[in-house]
Amino acid sequence: MMKQLAVSEWCEWYRHYEASPWGAEVEQLNIARLCAVIANSSGRYKSSLKPADFMPGKPQEQTAADQKNIMKSLMAAQHGT
């Protein structure tokens, strides 16, 4: 059976969500923050990475030079240099 939600109960849930949000977006942001901390502590990046760099979304276009640098980084990581 479906139960209707009273306005007062809806308001209570809304206040709870504002105080402590939940859902996929919040989980993705928390994981992105963790990824940024790990990446920045590795010392392999010249500039600091931000959580936004790890958030799913619109793919970024890569130039041939970008792809070459990514492959160099992967090869260096694999060979421990």
PDB file of N, CA and C in Angstrom:
ATOM      1  N   MET A   1       0.830  -1.185   0.000  1.00  0.00           N
ATOM      2  CA  MET A   1       0.000   0.000   0.000  1.00  0.00           C
ATOM      3  C   MET A   1       0.874   1.249   0.000  1.00  0.00           C
ATOM      4  N   MET A   2       0.405   2.237  -0.685  1.00  0.00           N
ATOM      5  CA  MET A   2       1.114   3.511  -0.744  1.00  0.00           C
ATOM      6  C   MET A   2       0.617   4.408   0.389  1.00  0.00           C
ATOM      7  N   LYS A   3       1.538   5.060   1.036  1.00  0.00           N
ATOM      8  CA  LYS A   3       1.187   5.971   2.116  1.00  0.00           C
ATOM      9  C   LYS A   3       1.564   7.381   1.684  1.00  0.00           C
ATOM     10  N   GLN A   4       0.692   8.322   1.936  1.00  0.00           N
ATOM     11  CA  GLN A   4       1.019   9.701   1.609  1.00  0.00           C
ATOM     12  C   GLN A   4       1.894  10.280   2.706  1.00  0.00           C
ATOM     13  N   LEU A   5       2.762  11.152   2.292  1.00  0.00           N
ATOM     14  CA  LEU A   5       3.683  11.782   3.217  1.00  0.00           C
ATOM     15  C   LEU A   5       3.105  13.119   3.654  1.00  0.00           C
ATOM     16  N   ALA A   6       2.985  13.308   4.939  1.00  0.00           N
ATOM     17  CA  ALA A   6       2.464  14.573   5.465  1.00  0.00           C
ATOM     18  C   ALA A   6       3.482  15.679   5.212  1.00  0.00           C
ATOM     19  N   VAL A   7       3.009  16.890   5.056  1.00  0.00           N
ATOM     20  CA  VAL A   7       3.888  18.035   4.810  1.00  0.00           C
ATOM     21  C   VAL A   7       4.922  18.173   5.922  1.00  0.00           C
ATOM     22  N   SER A   8       4.517  17.991   7.140  1.00  0.00           N
ATOM     23  CA  SER A   8       5.453  18.122   8.254  1.00  0.00           C
ATOM     24  C   SER A   8       6.556  17.052   8.177  1.00  0.00           C
ATOM     25  N   GLU A   9       6.184  15.847   7.785  1.00  0.00           N
ATOM     26  CA  GLU A   9       7.182  14.781   7.665  1.00  0.00           C
ATOM     27  C   GLU A   9       8.123  15.061   6.486  1.00  0.00           C
ATOM     28  N   TRP A  10       7.563  15.573   5.381  1.00  0.00           N
ATOM     29  CA  TRP A  10       8.386  15.920   4.228  1.00  0.00           C
ATOM     30  C   TRP A  10       9.402  16.994   4.627  1.00  0.00           C
ATOM     31  N   CYS A  11       8.941  18.006   5.365  1.00  0.00           N
ATOM     32  CA  CYS A  11       9.823  19.077   5.818  1.00  0.00           C
ATOM     33  C   CYS A  11      10.931  18.531   6.716  1.00  0.00           C
ATOM     34  N   GLU A  12      10.581  17.576   7.550  1.00  0.00           N
ATOM     35  CA  GLU A  12      11.575  16.972   8.431  1.00  0.00           C
ATOM     36  C   GLU A  12      12.642  16.239   7.622  1.00  0.00           C
ATOM     37  N   TRP A  13      12.225  15.475   6.613  1.00  0.00           N
ATOM     38  CA  TRP A  13      13.174  14.768   5.748  1.00  0.00           C
ATOM     39  C   TRP A  13      14.032  15.769   4.972  1.00  0.00           C
ATOM     40  N   TYR A  14      13.417  16.849   4.516  1.00  0.00           N
ATOM     41  CA  TYR A  14      14.147  17.861   3.760  1.00  0.00           C
ATOM     42  C   TYR A  14      15.235  18.501   4.623  1.00  0.00           C
ATOM     43  N   ARG A  15      14.902  18.835   5.862  1.00  0.00           N
ATOM     44  CA  ARG A  15      15.900  19.401   6.785  1.00  0.00           C
ATOM     45  C   ARG A  15      17.026  18.401   7.041  1.00  0.00           C
ATOM     46  N   HIS A  16      16.669  17.145   7.189  1.00  0.00           N
ATOM     47  CA  HIS A  16      17.670  16.101   7.407  1.00  0.00           C
ATOM     48  C   HIS A  16      18.596  16.008   6.196  1.00  0.00           C
ATOM     49  N   TYR A  17      18.033  16.052   4.981  1.00  0.00           N
ATOM     50  CA  TYR A  17      18.843  15.971   3.771  1.00  0.00           C
ATOM     51  C   TYR A  17      19.767  17.183   3.648  1.00  0.00           C
ATOM     52  N   GLU A  18      19.259  18.368   3.981  1.00  0.00           N
ATOM     53  CA  GLU A  18      20.100  19.564   3.922  1.00  0.00           C
ATOM     54  C   GLU A  18      21.269  19.477   4.895  1.00  0.00           C
ATOM     55  N   ALA A  19      21.028  18.910   6.057  1.00  0.00           N
ATOM     56  CA  ALA A  19      22.084  18.779   7.075  1.00  0.00           C
ATOM     57  C   ALA A  19      23.101  17.710   6.699  1.00  0.00           C
ATOM     58  N   SER A  20      22.633  16.629   6.088  1.00  0.00           N
ATOM     59  CA  SER A  20      23.499  15.505   5.752  1.00  0.00           C
ATOM     60  C   SER A  20      23.007  14.848   4.465  1.00  0.00           C
ATOM     61  N   PRO A  21      23.396  15.406   3.302  1.00  0.00           N
ATOM     62  CA  PRO A  21      22.890  14.876   2.034  1.00  0.00           C
ATOM     63  C   PRO A  21      23.347  13.451   1.781  1.00  0.00           C
ATOM     64  N   TRP A  22      22.575  12.755   0.984  1.00  0.00           N
ATOM     65  CA  TRP A  22      22.904  11.386   0.599  1.00  0.00           C
ATOM     66  C   TRP A  22      22.620  11.253  -0.885  1.00  0.00           C
ATOM     67  N   GLY A  23      23.080  10.166  -1.462  1.00  0.00           N
ATOM     68  CA  GLY A  23      22.814   9.895  -2.871  1.00  0.00           C
ATOM     69  C   GLY A  23      24.094   9.757  -3.678  1.00  0.00           C
ATOM     70  N   ALA A  24      23.915   9.451  -4.957  1.00  0.00           N
ATOM     71  CA  ALA A  24      25.043   9.169  -5.848  1.00  0.00           C
ATOM     72  C   ALA A  24      25.990  10.353  -5.977  1.00  0.00           C
ATOM     73  N   GLU A  25      25.449  11.573  -6.090  1.00  0.00           N
ATOM     74  CA  GLU A  25      26.321  12.730  -6.267  1.00  0.00           C
ATOM     75  C   GLU A  25      27.250  12.920  -5.070  1.00  0.00           C
ATOM     76  N   VAL A  26      26.713  12.727  -3.884  1.00  0.00           N
ATOM     77  CA  VAL A  26      27.531  12.886  -2.675  1.00  0.00           C
ATOM     78  C   VAL A  26      28.592  11.788  -2.616  1.00  0.00           C
ATOM     79  N   GLU A  27      28.218  10.567  -2.963  1.00  0.00           N
ATOM     80  CA  GLU A  27      29.181   9.471  -2.961  1.00  0.00           C
ATOM     81  C   GLU A  27      30.292   9.723  -3.973  1.00  0.00           C
ATOM     82  N   GLN A  28      29.921  10.213  -5.170  1.00  0.00           N
ATOM     83  CA  GLN A  28      30.925  10.501  -6.187  1.00  0.00           C
ATOM     84  C   GLN A  28      31.870  11.605  -5.734  1.00  0.00           C
ATOM     85  N   LEU A  29      31.340  12.618  -5.085  1.00  0.00           N
ATOM     86  CA  LEU A  29      32.184  13.707  -4.587  1.00  0.00           C
ATOM     87  C   LEU A  29      33.149  13.201  -3.519  1.00  0.00           C
ATOM     88  N   ASN A  30      32.676  12.359  -2.614  1.00  0.00           N
ATOM     89  CA  ASN A  30      33.555  11.817  -1.571  1.00  0.00           C
ATOM     90  C   ASN A  30      34.671  10.975  -2.182  1.00  0.00           C
ATOM     91  N   ILE A  31      34.349  10.173  -3.178  1.00  0.00           N
ATOM     92  CA  ILE A  31      35.369   9.352  -3.838  1.00  0.00           C
ATOM     93  C   ILE A  31      36.342  10.250  -4.601  1.00  0.00           C
ATOM     94  N   ALA A  32      35.823  11.301  -5.243  1.00  0.00           N
ATOM     95  CA  ALA A  32      36.689  12.227  -5.977  1.00  0.00           C
ATOM     96  C   ALA A  32      37.650  12.936  -5.029  1.00  0.00           C
ATOM     97  N   ARG A  33      37.173  13.291  -3.847  1.00  0.00           N
ATOM     98  CA  ARG A  33      38.058  13.919  -2.856  1.00  0.00           C
ATOM     99  C   ARG A  33      39.187  12.969  -2.456  1.00  0.00           C
ATOM    100  N   LEU A  34      38.841  11.719  -2.229  1.00  0.00           N
ATOM    101  CA  LEU A  34      39.839  10.720  -1.865  1.00  0.00           C
ATOM    102  C   LEU A  34      40.853  10.526  -2.986  1.00  0.00           C
ATOM    103  N   CYS A  35      40.370  10.456  -4.213  1.00  0.00           N
ATOM    104  CA  CYS A  35      41.274  10.307  -5.367  1.00  0.00           C
ATOM    105  C   CYS A  35      42.227  11.491  -5.464  1.00  0.00           C
ATOM    106  N   ALA A  36      41.725  12.698  -5.243  1.00  0.00           N
ATOM    107  CA  ALA A  36      42.579  13.888  -5.311  1.00  0.00           C
ATOM    108  C   ALA A  36      43.656  13.845  -4.233  1.00  0.00           C
ATOM    109  N   VAL A  37      43.295  13.427  -3.023  1.00  0.00           N
ATOM    110  CA  VAL A  37      44.278  13.332  -1.934  1.00  0.00           C
ATOM    111  C   VAL A  37      45.362  12.320  -2.294  1.00  0.00           C
ATOM    112  N   ILE A  38      44.953  11.160  -2.791  1.00  0.00           N
ATOM    113  CA  ILE A  38      45.928  10.115  -3.144  1.00  0.00           C
ATOM    114  C   ILE A  38      46.831  10.588  -4.275  1.00  0.00           C
ATOM    115  N   ALA A  39      46.229  11.175  -5.313  1.00  0.00           N
ATOM    116  CA  ALA A  39      47.028  11.633  -6.461  1.00  0.00           C
ATOM    117  C   ALA A  39      47.992  12.734  -6.057  1.00  0.00           C
ATOM    118  N   ASN A  40      47.522  13.681  -5.264  1.00  0.00           N
ATOM    119  CA  ASN A  40      48.386  14.795  -4.862  1.00  0.00           C
ATOM    120  C   ASN A  40      49.497  14.345  -3.920  1.00  0.00           C
ATOM    121  N   SER A  41      49.257  13.325  -3.129  1.00  0.00           N
ATOM    122  CA  SER A  41      50.291  12.852  -2.211  1.00  0.00           C
ATOM    123  C   SER A  41      51.321  11.969  -2.906  1.00  0.00           C
ATOM    124  N   SER A  42      51.026  11.551  -4.143  1.00  0.00           N
ATOM    125  CA  SER A  42      51.964  10.686  -4.859  1.00  0.00           C
ATOM    126  C   SER A  42      53.192  11.448  -5.337  1.00  0.00           C
ATOM    127  N   GLY A  43      53.064  12.768  -5.500  1.00  0.00           N
ATOM    128  CA  GLY A  43      54.186  13.563  -5.959  1.00  0.00           C
ATOM    129  C   GLY A  43      54.458  13.450  -7.450  1.00  0.00           C
ATOM    130  N   ARG A  44      53.576  12.847  -8.197  1.00  0.00           N
ATOM    131  CA  ARG A  44      53.805  12.646  -9.628  1.00  0.00           C
ATOM    132  C   ARG A  44      53.226  13.752 -10.501  1.00  0.00           C
ATOM    133  N   TYR A  45      52.507  14.675  -9.914  1.00  0.00           N
ATOM    134  CA  TYR A  45      51.842  15.712 -10.706  1.00  0.00           C
ATOM    135  C   TYR A  45      52.439  17.069 -10.364  1.00  0.00           C
ATOM    136  N   LYS A  46      52.683  17.864 -11.408  1.00  0.00           N
ATOM    137  CA  LYS A  46      53.298  19.181 -11.216  1.00  0.00           C
ATOM    138  C   LYS A  46      52.337  20.152 -10.553  1.00  0.00           C
ATOM    139  N   SER A  47      51.057  20.053 -10.871  1.00  0.00           N
ATOM    140  CA  SER A  47      50.070  20.935 -10.248  1.00  0.00           C
ATOM    141  C   SER A  47      49.075  20.090  -9.454  1.00  0.00           C
ATOM    142  N   SER A  48      48.485  20.710  -8.461  1.00  0.00           N
ATOM    143  CA  SER A  48      47.528  19.989  -7.613  1.00  0.00           C
ATOM    144  C   SER A  48      46.274  19.637  -8.387  1.00  0.00           C
ATOM    145  N   LEU A  49      45.825  18.419  -8.201  1.00  0.00           N
ATOM    146  CA  LEU A  49      44.568  17.985  -8.802  1.00  0.00           C
ATOM    147  C   LEU A  49      43.437  18.281  -7.830  1.00  0.00           C
ATOM    148  N   LYS A  50      42.277  18.549  -8.367  1.00  0.00           N
ATOM    149  CA  LYS A  50      41.102  18.871  -7.560  1.00  0.00           C
ATOM    150  C   LYS A  50      40.093  17.741  -7.666  1.00  0.00           C
ATOM    151  N   PRO A  51      39.175  17.631  -6.695  1.00  0.00           N
ATOM    152  CA  PRO A  51      38.137  16.601  -6.797  1.00  0.00           C
ATOM    153  C   PRO A  51      37.376  16.663  -8.122  1.00  0.00           C
ATOM    154  N   ALA A  52      37.189  17.859  -8.658  1.00  0.00           N
ATOM    155  CA  ALA A  52      36.476  17.997  -9.938  1.00  0.00           C
ATOM    156  C   ALA A  52      37.188  17.246 -11.066  1.00  0.00           C
ATOM    157  N   ASP A  53      38.505  17.071 -10.931  1.00  0.00           N
ATOM    158  CA  ASP A  53      39.260  16.343 -11.948  1.00  0.00           C
ATOM    159  C   ASP A  53      38.892  14.861 -11.980  1.00  0.00           C
ATOM    160  N   PHE A  54      38.265  14.384 -10.924  1.00  0.00           N
ATOM    161  CA  PHE A  54      37.912  12.973 -10.825  1.00  0.00           C
ATOM    162  C   PHE A  54      36.410  12.719 -10.883  1.00  0.00           C
ATOM    163  N   MET A  55      35.644  13.786 -11.070  1.00  0.00           N
ATOM    164  CA  MET A  55      34.191  13.638 -11.116  1.00  0.00           C
ATOM    165  C   MET A  55      33.763  13.167 -12.502  1.00  0.00           C
ATOM    166  N   PRO A  56      32.830  12.217 -12.537  1.00  0.00           N
ATOM    167  CA  PRO A  56      32.334  11.793 -13.848  1.00  0.00           C
ATOM    168  C   PRO A  56      31.567  12.935 -14.492  1.00  0.00           C
ATOM    169  N   GLY A  57      31.571  12.955 -15.757  1.00  0.00           N
ATOM    170  CA  GLY A  57      30.869  14.016 -16.473  1.00  0.00           C
ATOM    171  C   GLY A  57      31.264  14.017 -17.925  1.00  0.00           C
ATOM    172  N   LYS A  58      31.203  15.187 -18.493  1.00  0.00           N
ATOM    173  CA  LYS A  58      31.533  15.348 -19.900  1.00  0.00           C
ATOM    174  C   LYS A  58      33.004  15.001 -20.125  1.00  0.00           C
ATOM    175  N   PRO A  59      33.280  14.084 -21.058  1.00  0.00           N
ATOM    176  CA  PRO A  59      34.673  13.728 -21.315  1.00  0.00           C
ATOM    177  C   PRO A  59      35.448  14.922 -21.861  1.00  0.00           C
ATOM    178  N   GLN A  60      36.683  15.033 -21.428  1.00  0.00           N
ATOM    179  CA  GLN A  60      37.530  16.112 -21.909  1.00  0.00           C
ATOM    180  C   GLN A  60      38.210  15.676 -23.197  1.00  0.00           C
ATOM    181  N   GLU A  61      38.341  16.612 -24.135  1.00  0.00           N
ATOM    182  CA  GLU A  61      39.040  16.303 -25.372  1.00  0.00           C
ATOM    183  C   GLU A  61      40.534  16.238 -25.093  1.00  0.00           C
ATOM    184  N   GLN A  62      41.190  15.286 -25.748  1.00  0.00           N
ATOM    185  CA  GLN A  62      42.629  15.134 -25.571  1.00  0.00           C
ATOM    186  C   GLN A  62      43.323  15.341 -26.910  1.00  0.00           C
ATOM    187  N   THR A  63      44.411  16.069 -26.853  1.00  0.00           N
ATOM    188  CA  THR A  63      45.233  16.237 -28.041  1.00  0.00           C
ATOM    189  C   THR A  63      46.179  15.045 -28.143  1.00  0.00           C
ATOM    190  N   ALA A  64      46.861  14.946 -29.249  1.00  0.00           N
ATOM    191  CA  ALA A  64      47.849  13.876 -29.415  1.00  0.00           C
ATOM    192  C   ALA A  64      48.954  14.020 -28.374  1.00  0.00           C
ATOM    193  N   ALA A  65      49.317  15.279 -28.062  1.00  0.00           N
ATOM    194  CA  ALA A  65      50.349  15.517 -27.048  1.00  0.00           C
ATOM    195  C   ALA A  65      49.879  15.065 -25.666  1.00  0.00           C
ATOM    196  N   ASP A  66      48.594  15.312 -25.366  1.00  0.00           N
ATOM    197  CA  ASP A  66      48.037  14.853 -24.084  1.00  0.00           C
ATOM    198  C   ASP A  66      48.118  13.334 -23.981  1.00  0.00           C
ATOM    199  N   GLN A  67      47.730  12.659 -25.035  1.00  0.00           N
ATOM    200  CA  GLN A  67      47.741  11.195 -25.040  1.00  0.00           C
ATOM    201  C   GLN A  67      49.169  10.663 -24.907  1.00  0.00           C
ATOM    202  N   LYS A  68      50.106  11.332 -25.573  1.00  0.00           N
ATOM    203  CA  LYS A  68      51.513  10.918 -25.478  1.00  0.00           C
ATOM    204  C   LYS A  68      52.017  11.056 -24.046  1.00  0.00           C
ATOM    205  N   ASN A  69      51.685  12.182 -23.383  1.00  0.00           N
ATOM    206  CA  ASN A  69      52.108  12.393 -21.997  1.00  0.00           C
ATOM    207  C   ASN A  69      51.474  11.376 -21.059  1.00  0.00           C
ATOM    208  N   ILE A  70      50.218  11.027 -21.295  1.00  0.00           N
ATOM    209  CA  ILE A  70      49.550  10.011 -20.471  1.00  0.00           C
ATOM    210  C   ILE A  70      50.254   8.670 -20.613  1.00  0.00           C
ATOM    211  N   MET A  71      50.581   8.302 -21.842  1.00  0.00           N
ATOM    212  CA  MET A  71      51.265   7.024 -22.064  1.00  0.00           C
ATOM    213  C   MET A  71      52.657   7.022 -21.415  1.00  0.00           C
ATOM    214  N   LYS A  72      53.363   8.154 -21.495  1.00  0.00           N
ATOM    215  CA  LYS A  72      54.684   8.245 -20.846  1.00  0.00           C
ATOM    216  C   LYS A  72      54.542   8.053 -19.336  1.00  0.00           C
ATOM    217  N   SER A  73      53.519   8.680 -18.753  1.00  0.00           N
ATOM    218  CA  SER A  73      53.291   8.550 -17.308  1.00  0.00           C
ATOM    219  C   SER A  73      52.975   7.109 -16.938  1.00  0.00           C
ATOM    220  N   LEU A  74      52.133   6.471 -17.732  1.00  0.00           N
ATOM    221  CA  LEU A  74      51.781   5.063 -17.463  1.00  0.00           C
ATOM    222  C   LEU A  74      53.002   4.159 -17.570  1.00  0.00           C
ATOM    223  N   MET A  75      53.808   4.381 -18.597  1.00  0.00           N
ATOM    224  CA  MET A  75      55.004   3.551 -18.771  1.00  0.00           C
ATOM    225  C   MET A  75      55.997   3.790 -17.625  1.00  0.00           C
ATOM    226  N   ALA A  76      56.151   5.054 -17.220  1.00  0.00           N
ATOM    227  CA  ALA A  76      57.069   5.348 -16.124  1.00  0.00           C
ATOM    228  C   ALA A  76      56.581   4.710 -14.834  1.00  0.00           C
ATOM    229  N   ALA A  77      55.279   4.759 -14.586  1.00  0.00           N
ATOM    230  CA  ALA A  77      54.720   4.155 -13.376  1.00  0.00           C
ATOM    231  C   ALA A  77      54.904   2.651 -13.389  1.00  0.00           C
ATOM    232  N   GLN A  78      54.736   2.048 -14.557  1.00  0.00           N
ATOM    233  CA  GLN A  78      54.867   0.596 -14.661  1.00  0.00           C
ATOM    234  C   GLN A  78      56.309   0.154 -14.437  1.00  0.00           C
ATOM    235  N   HIS A  79      57.241   0.981 -14.867  1.00  0.00           N
ATOM    236  CA  HIS A  79      58.663   0.617 -14.738  1.00  0.00           C
ATOM    237  C   HIS A  79      59.325   1.207 -13.503  1.00  0.00           C
ATOM    238  N   GLY A  80      58.530   1.884 -12.678  1.00  0.00           N
ATOM    239  CA  GLY A  80      59.038   2.385 -11.403  1.00  0.00           C
ATOM    240  C   GLY A  80      59.959   3.565 -11.493  1.00  0.00           C
ATOM    241  N   THR A  81      59.807   4.384 -12.535  1.00  0.00           N
ATOM    242  CA  THR A  81      60.670   5.571 -12.626  1.00  0.00           C
ATOM    243  C   THR A  81      59.887   6.814 -12.375  1.00  0.00           C
TER     244      THR A  81
END
